[in-house]
Amino acid sequence: MAAAAGLMLATSLACGKPPASPDTTPSKKVMQEPRGGVSQFHTRNVMYRVDQDIVVEMPNMNADIHVFEPNQPFIPANVDDFMVQIHTAELTIDEKSMANLMNKYVFNYPDSPLTNIEITAAGGKIRQSARIKKFGLTLKCDLEGSLRPNGKGQLVLQPDSIKSNGIPVKGLFDLLGVELTKLINSNEERGVKIDGNNIVLFPDRMMPPPSLRGFCTGAEITQGKIKMIFDDGVRREMAGPLPEPSAKNYILMWGGNILINNNLALNAKFQMLDDTPEDPMYYYMPVYREQLEAGLTVATTQGEMIAYLSDVHGTRVEGPSRYKPKLPLR
């Protein structure tokens, strides 16, 4: 699993580094409607690495993968070719990862007014500091506030206090002014906009590809972490029994056509398991092929596929899988 006040959340949801060099964010097919196949997608106790600096906890996600183009299989590595429709999920991100997300993606565009965003999450509130470029000067901004859902699928950061260079100001408009507010709102597709004295966050737009679509119904702020809760009202059972029902940590893809490591599975039933079930499953999409090759993949008599994978705590596979199941399976 952002502007003064939008900053705050962005800033509050982002701590740390200045933006990367000009706009390295891949384009996202946010507005494109998928016309291809659909696969159910489920996670259980997964730590998903978005990139080298961002990790999202996905303890229990129920979603669908929608391929954009018809007659094309779902290829996990081709992140621009599909969309993830979240039905229910709790995505948790820590302060450092949120800061990197804001600095590297949300506010990484030409002439972005915010840099050096830092975030602290504690006591049900977000505290953020950032550097704001205004009138040729760089000012330090500090915000503090709480998050609440707006009933439209977004979260709203309501600042309780706003300071510029340590001096209290009345509101975001006094801090940002017309031009910076317009600039931030012109990049709304990146996940943040300013609405009066509030910062509106679009959690399903903040991440780099693949595109997400989800209805955010709430947030919980705990020590060092921000949890975003998604629920679009869709209720359904698992498409079928798990290939390995005793698995504690897994990623499951069910239905549709899936191309993995040059193997095309039609009406796929594919479960990836953690070979160290005592801790969460650590997964990094750019090296999923290496994870599969280092692990063990078997087929059941029902035509299902089960892969036992090594964890990826950083950005490299940590070696051959240590899990040796009894064969044959079922």
Protein backbone atom coordinates (compact mmCIF):
# COMPACT_ATOMS: atom_id res chain seq x y z
CA MET A 1 0.00 0.00 0.00
CA ALA A 2 0.00 18.09 0.17
CA ALA A 3 -0.02 21.75 -0.43
CA ALA A 4 0.42 24.15 2.46
CA ALA A 5 -2.53 22.38 3.93
CA GLY A 6 -2.50 20.27 0.91
CA LEU A 7 1.07 20.78 1.68
CA MET A 8 0.54 19.59 5.08
CA LEU A 9 -0.86 16.32 4.10
CA ALA A 10 1.46 16.13 1.32
CA THR A 11 4.00 17.40 3.62
CA SER A 12 2.41 15.68 6.44
CA LEU A 13 2.37 12.64 4.31
CA ALA A 14 5.82 13.25 3.19
CA CYS A 15 9.02 13.78 4.93
CA GLY A 16 12.48 14.09 3.85
CA LYS A 17 14.18 14.67 0.61
CA PRO A 18 13.92 17.43 -1.97
CA PRO A 19 12.25 16.53 -5.23
CA ALA A 20 14.21 14.48 -7.68
CA SER A 21 15.39 16.05 -10.88
CA PRO A 22 12.66 17.49 -13.10
CA ASP A 23 9.61 15.33 -13.36
CA THR A 24 10.66 11.72 -13.54
CA THR A 25 7.17 10.51 -12.68
CA PRO A 26 5.82 8.08 -15.29
CA SER A 27 2.58 9.01 -16.97
CA LYS A 28 -0.52 7.43 -15.45
CA LYS A 29 -3.63 6.27 -17.28
CA VAL A 30 -5.84 7.76 -14.59
CA MET A 31 -8.71 8.74 -16.86
CA GLN A 32 -8.50 5.84 -19.32
CA GLU A 33 -11.27 3.29 -19.03
CA PRO A 34 -10.09 -0.32 -19.22
CA ARG A 35 -11.48 -2.45 -22.04
CA GLY A 36 -9.59 -5.68 -21.45
CA GLY A 37 -9.81 -8.68 -19.16
CA VAL A 38 -10.23 -8.76 -15.40
CA SER A 39 -8.40 -10.78 -12.76
CA GLN A 40 -9.20 -10.85 -9.06
CA PHE A 41 -6.28 -9.71 -6.93
CA HIS A 42 -5.88 -10.43 -3.22
CA THR A 43 -3.06 -9.85 -0.73
CA ARG A 44 -2.51 -11.14 2.78
CA ASN A 45 0.26 -9.73 5.00
CA VAL A 46 2.28 -8.20 2.17
CA MET A 47 4.92 -5.46 2.41
CA TYR A 48 4.84 -3.98 -1.09
CA ARG A 49 7.90 -2.00 -2.17
CA VAL A 50 6.76 0.78 -4.53
CA ASP A 51 10.34 1.78 -5.34
CA GLN A 52 13.72 1.87 -3.63
CA ASP A 53 12.50 4.37 -1.02
CA ILE A 54 8.78 3.66 -0.52
CA VAL A 55 7.11 0.67 1.17
CA VAL A 56 3.36 0.17 1.71
CA GLU A 57 1.84 -2.38 4.10
CA MET A 58 -1.01 -4.36 2.51
CA PRO A 59 -2.36 -6.67 5.21
CA ASN A 60 -5.57 -7.57 3.39
CA MET A 61 -6.49 -6.21 -0.04
CA ASN A 62 -9.45 -7.27 -2.18
CA ALA A 63 -9.15 -5.79 -5.67
CA ASP A 64 -9.53 -6.36 -9.40
CA ILE A 65 -6.89 -5.99 -12.10
CA HIS A 66 -8.35 -4.37 -15.25
CA VAL A 67 -6.27 -4.56 -18.43
CA PHE A 68 -6.62 -1.42 -20.54
CA GLU A 69 -6.48 -3.00 -24.01
CA PRO A 70 -8.79 -5.83 -25.19
CA ASN A 71 -7.35 -9.22 -26.13
CA GLN A 72 -4.21 -8.61 -24.08
CA PRO A 73 -3.12 -10.65 -21.05
CA PHE A 74 -2.31 -9.15 -17.69
CA ILE A 75 1.49 -8.76 -17.54
CA PRO A 76 2.54 -7.67 -14.02
CA ALA A 77 5.73 -5.97 -15.24
CA ASN A 78 3.84 -3.69 -17.68
CA VAL A 79 2.54 -1.28 -15.05
CA ASP A 80 1.20 1.23 -17.59
CA ASP A 81 -1.07 -1.38 -19.17
CA PHE A 82 -3.51 -2.09 -16.33
CA MET A 83 -5.44 -0.52 -13.47
CA VAL A 84 -6.01 -1.80 -9.93
CA GLN A 85 -9.60 -1.31 -8.73
CA ILE A 86 -9.53 -1.51 -4.92
CA HIS A 87 -12.70 -2.84 -3.29
CA THR A 88 -11.50 -3.12 0.30
CA ALA A 89 -8.05 -2.50 1.71
CA GLU A 90 -6.05 -0.92 4.48
CA LEU A 91 -2.84 0.63 3.18
CA THR A 92 -0.33 1.77 5.78
CA ILE A 93 2.71 3.91 5.04
CA ASP A 94 5.33 5.15 7.47
CA GLU A 95 6.60 8.72 7.76
CA LYS A 96 9.74 8.17 5.74
CA SER A 97 7.96 6.43 2.87
CA MET A 98 5.21 9.05 2.81
CA ALA A 99 7.77 11.80 2.68
CA ASN A 100 9.53 10.11 -0.21
CA LEU A 101 6.20 9.65 -1.99
CA MET A 102 5.42 13.36 -1.72
CA ASN A 103 8.88 14.57 -2.64
CA LYS A 104 9.50 12.12 -5.48
CA TYR A 105 6.05 11.89 -7.07
CA VAL A 106 3.27 14.15 -5.80
CA PHE A 107 5.27 17.40 -5.80
CA ASN A 108 7.92 16.47 -8.33
CA TYR A 109 6.98 18.65 -11.30
CA PRO A 110 8.41 21.80 -12.90
CA ASP A 111 8.16 24.90 -10.67
CA SER A 112 6.70 22.89 -7.79
CA PRO A 113 6.36 25.31 -4.85
CA LEU A 114 7.14 22.68 -2.20
CA THR A 115 10.43 21.01 -1.37
CA ASN A 116 12.11 19.33 1.58
CA ILE A 117 8.81 18.01 2.90
CA GLU A 118 9.05 16.36 6.30
CA ILE A 119 6.26 14.60 8.18
CA THR A 120 5.57 13.43 11.68
CA ALA A 121 2.52 11.31 12.51
CA ALA A 122 1.52 11.04 16.15
CA GLY A 123 -1.42 11.48 18.49
CA GLY A 124 -3.99 11.33 15.70
CA LYS A 125 -2.45 14.32 13.91
CA ILE A 126 -0.03 15.05 11.13
CA ARG A 127 2.72 17.59 11.58
CA GLN A 128 4.56 18.78 8.51
CA SER A 129 7.27 21.16 7.55
CA ALA A 130 8.31 22.17 4.06
CA ARG A 131 10.11 24.82 2.07
CA ILE A 132 7.87 27.08 -0.04
CA LYS A 133 9.12 29.16 -2.94
CA LYS A 134 7.30 32.47 -2.98
CA PHE A 135 8.20 35.90 -4.40
CA GLY A 136 11.72 34.70 -5.12
CA LEU A 137 12.17 33.70 -1.47
CA THR A 138 12.24 30.33 0.25
CA LEU A 139 10.08 30.24 3.37
CA LYS A 140 9.73 27.54 5.97
CA CYS A 141 6.16 26.34 6.47
CA ASP A 142 4.88 24.32 9.42
CA LEU A 143 1.41 22.78 9.51
CA GLU A 144 -0.45 20.59 11.95
CA GLY A 145 -3.88 19.05 11.57
CA SER A 146 -6.08 15.99 11.41
CA LEU A 147 -7.35 13.84 8.55
CA ARG A 148 -10.97 13.02 7.84
CA PRO A 149 -12.85 11.49 4.91
CA ASN A 150 -15.02 13.84 2.85
CA GLY A 151 -17.54 11.18 1.76
CA LYS A 152 -16.40 11.51 -1.86
CA GLY A 153 -13.52 9.06 -1.69
CA GLN A 154 -10.86 11.56 -0.64
CA LEU A 155 -9.26 12.64 2.61
CA VAL A 156 -9.21 16.21 3.92
CA LEU A 157 -6.41 17.68 5.95
CA GLN A 158 -7.74 20.44 8.18
CA PRO A 159 -4.87 22.53 9.57
CA ASP A 160 -5.21 23.50 13.23
CA SER A 161 -2.16 25.71 13.00
CA ILE A 162 -0.10 27.17 10.15
CA LYS A 163 3.20 28.98 10.56
CA SER A 164 5.50 30.72 8.11
CA ASN A 165 9.07 31.11 9.37
CA GLY A 166 7.70 30.47 12.85
CA ILE A 167 5.03 33.18 12.66
CA PRO A 168 1.36 32.10 12.80
CA VAL A 169 -0.74 32.88 9.71
CA LYS A 170 -4.52 32.78 9.40
CA GLY A 171 -4.90 30.21 6.66
CA LEU A 172 -3.54 28.53 3.57
CA PHE A 173 -4.47 31.39 1.27
CA ASP A 174 -2.45 33.80 3.41
CA LEU A 175 0.45 31.38 3.24
CA LEU A 176 0.30 30.42 -0.43
CA GLY A 177 -1.44 33.24 -2.24
CA VAL A 178 -3.35 32.98 -5.51
CA GLU A 179 -0.52 31.87 -7.80
CA LEU A 180 0.77 29.00 -5.72
CA THR A 181 -2.76 27.78 -5.04
CA LYS A 182 -3.48 27.75 -8.78
CA LEU A 183 -0.21 25.95 -9.49
CA ILE A 184 -0.93 23.20 -6.98
CA ASN A 185 -4.52 22.78 -8.19
CA SER A 186 -3.40 22.61 -11.81
CA ASN A 187 -1.57 19.39 -10.87
CA GLU A 188 -4.56 17.81 -9.11
CA GLU A 189 -4.07 14.54 -10.99
CA ARG A 190 -0.99 13.98 -8.82
CA GLY A 191 -3.21 13.62 -5.77
CA VAL A 192 -3.51 16.98 -3.95
CA LYS A 193 -5.55 20.14 -4.27
CA ILE A 194 -6.30 23.18 -2.10
CA ASP A 195 -9.94 23.83 -1.23
CA GLY A 196 -10.29 26.97 0.87
CA ASN A 197 -8.31 26.35 4.03
CA ASN A 198 -8.21 22.59 3.54
CA ILE A 199 -5.93 20.24 1.70
CA VAL A 200 -7.80 17.54 -0.24
CA LEU A 201 -5.89 14.31 -0.77
CA PHE A 202 -6.67 11.77 -3.48
CA PRO A 203 -4.97 8.62 -2.13
CA ASP A 204 -5.58 6.67 -5.33
CA ARG A 205 -3.68 9.25 -7.39
CA MET A 206 -0.56 9.65 -5.29
CA MET A 207 1.24 6.47 -6.27
CA PRO A 208 3.31 5.93 -9.41
CA PRO A 209 1.92 3.40 -11.92
CA PRO A 210 0.07 1.13 -12.00
CA SER A 211 -3.01 3.32 -11.86
CA LEU A 212 -5.24 2.88 -8.84
CA ARG A 213 -8.94 3.47 -8.41
CA GLY A 214 -10.45 3.34 -4.95
CA PHE A 215 -12.85 5.04 -2.55
CA CYS A 216 -11.09 6.15 0.64
CA THR A 217 -13.40 6.05 3.65
CA GLY A 218 -11.05 6.94 6.46
CA ALA A 219 -7.59 7.35 7.91
CA GLU A 220 -5.89 6.47 11.17
CA ILE A 221 -2.82 8.28 12.46
CA THR A 222 -0.63 6.31 14.86
CA GLN A 223 2.95 6.76 16.00
CA GLY A 224 5.00 7.14 12.85
CA LYS A 225 2.37 5.68 10.51
CA ILE A 226 -0.62 6.70 8.40
CA LYS A 227 -3.28 4.12 7.55
CA MET A 228 -5.68 4.78 4.66
CA ILE A 229 -8.88 2.72 4.56
CA PHE A 230 -10.61 1.89 1.27
CA ASP A 231 -14.11 0.51 0.76
CA ASP A 232 -16.17 0.99 -2.40
CA GLY A 233 -19.10 -1.05 -1.10
CA VAL A 234 -18.46 -4.09 -3.30
CA ARG A 235 -18.83 -7.34 -1.37
CA ARG A 236 -17.85 -10.70 -2.80
CA GLU A 237 -16.41 -14.03 -1.81
CA MET A 238 -13.09 -15.35 -3.02
CA ALA A 239 -13.45 -16.68 -6.56
CA GLY A 240 -12.54 -20.13 -5.36
CA PRO A 241 -10.65 -22.04 -2.66
CA LEU A 242 -7.03 -20.99 -2.24
CA PRO A 243 -4.57 -23.30 -3.97
CA GLU A 244 -2.66 -23.35 -0.67
CA PRO A 245 -5.28 -22.58 2.02
CA SER A 246 -2.83 -22.73 4.94
CA ALA A 247 -0.69 -19.86 3.59
CA LYS A 248 -0.28 -16.95 6.02
CA ASN A 249 1.23 -14.48 3.54
CA TYR A 250 0.44 -14.41 -0.15
CA ILE A 251 -0.50 -12.63 -3.35
CA LEU A 252 -3.33 -14.27 -5.29
CA MET A 253 -4.33 -13.64 -8.90
CA TRP A 254 -7.49 -15.44 -10.00
CA GLY A 255 -9.16 -15.46 -13.40
CA GLY A 256 -8.33 -13.74 -16.65
CA ASN A 257 -5.28 -14.42 -18.79
CA ILE A 258 -1.92 -13.77 -17.14
CA LEU A 259 1.53 -13.79 -18.80
CA ILE A 260 4.30 -14.47 -16.31
CA ASN A 261 7.89 -15.25 -17.29
CA ASN A 262 6.76 -16.03 -20.86
CA ASN A 263 4.21 -18.54 -19.58
CA LEU A 264 0.62 -17.73 -20.53
CA ALA A 265 -2.00 -18.96 -18.08
CA LEU A 266 -5.61 -18.91 -19.33
CA ASN A 267 -8.28 -18.43 -16.66
CA ALA A 268 -5.34 -18.31 -14.27
CA LYS A 269 -5.27 -19.44 -10.65
CA PHE A 270 -1.90 -18.27 -9.38
CA GLN A 271 -0.83 -17.92 -5.75
CA MET A 272 2.57 -16.56 -4.69
CA LEU A 273 3.60 -17.55 -1.16
CA ASP A 274 6.20 -16.34 1.29
CA ASP A 275 8.94 -18.82 2.16
CA THR A 276 9.31 -17.17 5.59
CA PRO A 277 5.71 -17.16 6.94
CA GLU A 278 6.84 -15.98 10.38
CA ASP A 279 7.10 -12.42 9.01
CA PRO A 280 5.25 -10.55 6.21
CA MET A 281 5.82 -11.25 2.53
CA TYR A 282 8.21 -8.67 1.06
CA TYR A 283 7.53 -8.08 -2.62
CA TYR A 284 9.10 -5.77 -5.22
CA MET A 285 7.51 -5.72 -8.66
CA PRO A 286 10.64 -4.86 -10.75
CA VAL A 287 12.33 -8.10 -9.61
CA TYR A 288 9.30 -10.41 -9.48
CA ARG A 289 10.81 -12.53 -12.28
CA GLU A 290 13.97 -13.00 -10.22
CA GLN A 291 11.82 -13.86 -7.20
CA LEU A 292 10.05 -16.54 -9.21
CA GLU A 293 13.30 -17.93 -10.61
CA ALA A 294 14.89 -18.07 -7.14
CA GLY A 295 11.84 -19.82 -5.76
CA LEU A 296 9.92 -22.95 -6.56
CA THR A 297 6.82 -23.02 -8.77
CA VAL A 298 4.57 -26.09 -8.89
CA ALA A 299 1.26 -26.98 -10.54
CA THR A 300 -1.59 -28.77 -8.81
CA THR A 301 -3.80 -31.43 -10.33
CA GLN A 302 -6.56 -28.78 -10.54
CA GLY A 303 -4.47 -26.64 -12.90
CA GLU A 304 -3.52 -24.10 -10.23
CA MET A 305 -0.02 -22.69 -9.86
CA ILE A 306 1.75 -22.06 -6.55
CA ALA A 307 5.04 -20.16 -6.31
CA TYR A 308 7.20 -20.13 -3.18
CA LEU A 309 9.24 -16.90 -3.14
CA SER A 310 12.15 -15.46 -1.22
CA ASP A 311 11.66 -12.07 0.42
CA VAL A 312 12.99 -8.86 -1.09
CA HIS A 313 13.82 -6.58 1.84
CA GLY A 314 15.73 -4.16 -0.39
CA THR A 315 15.67 -4.18 -4.18
CA ARG A 316 17.38 -7.54 -4.77
CA VAL A 317 16.26 -11.10 -4.28
CA GLU A 318 17.94 -12.54 -1.22
CA GLY A 319 18.76 -15.95 -2.65
CA PRO A 320 17.10 -19.29 -3.41
CA SER A 321 13.86 -20.10 -1.67
CA ARG A 322 14.31 -22.05 1.54
CA TYR A 323 10.87 -23.62 1.36
CA LYS A 324 10.72 -27.24 0.22
CA PRO A 325 7.12 -28.47 0.17
CA LYS A 326 6.21 -32.12 -0.08
CA LEU A 327 5.58 -33.14 -3.67
CA PRO A 328 3.36 -33.85 -5.48
CA LEU A 329 0.85 -31.26 -4.31
CA ARG A 330 -2.76 -32.57 -4.17
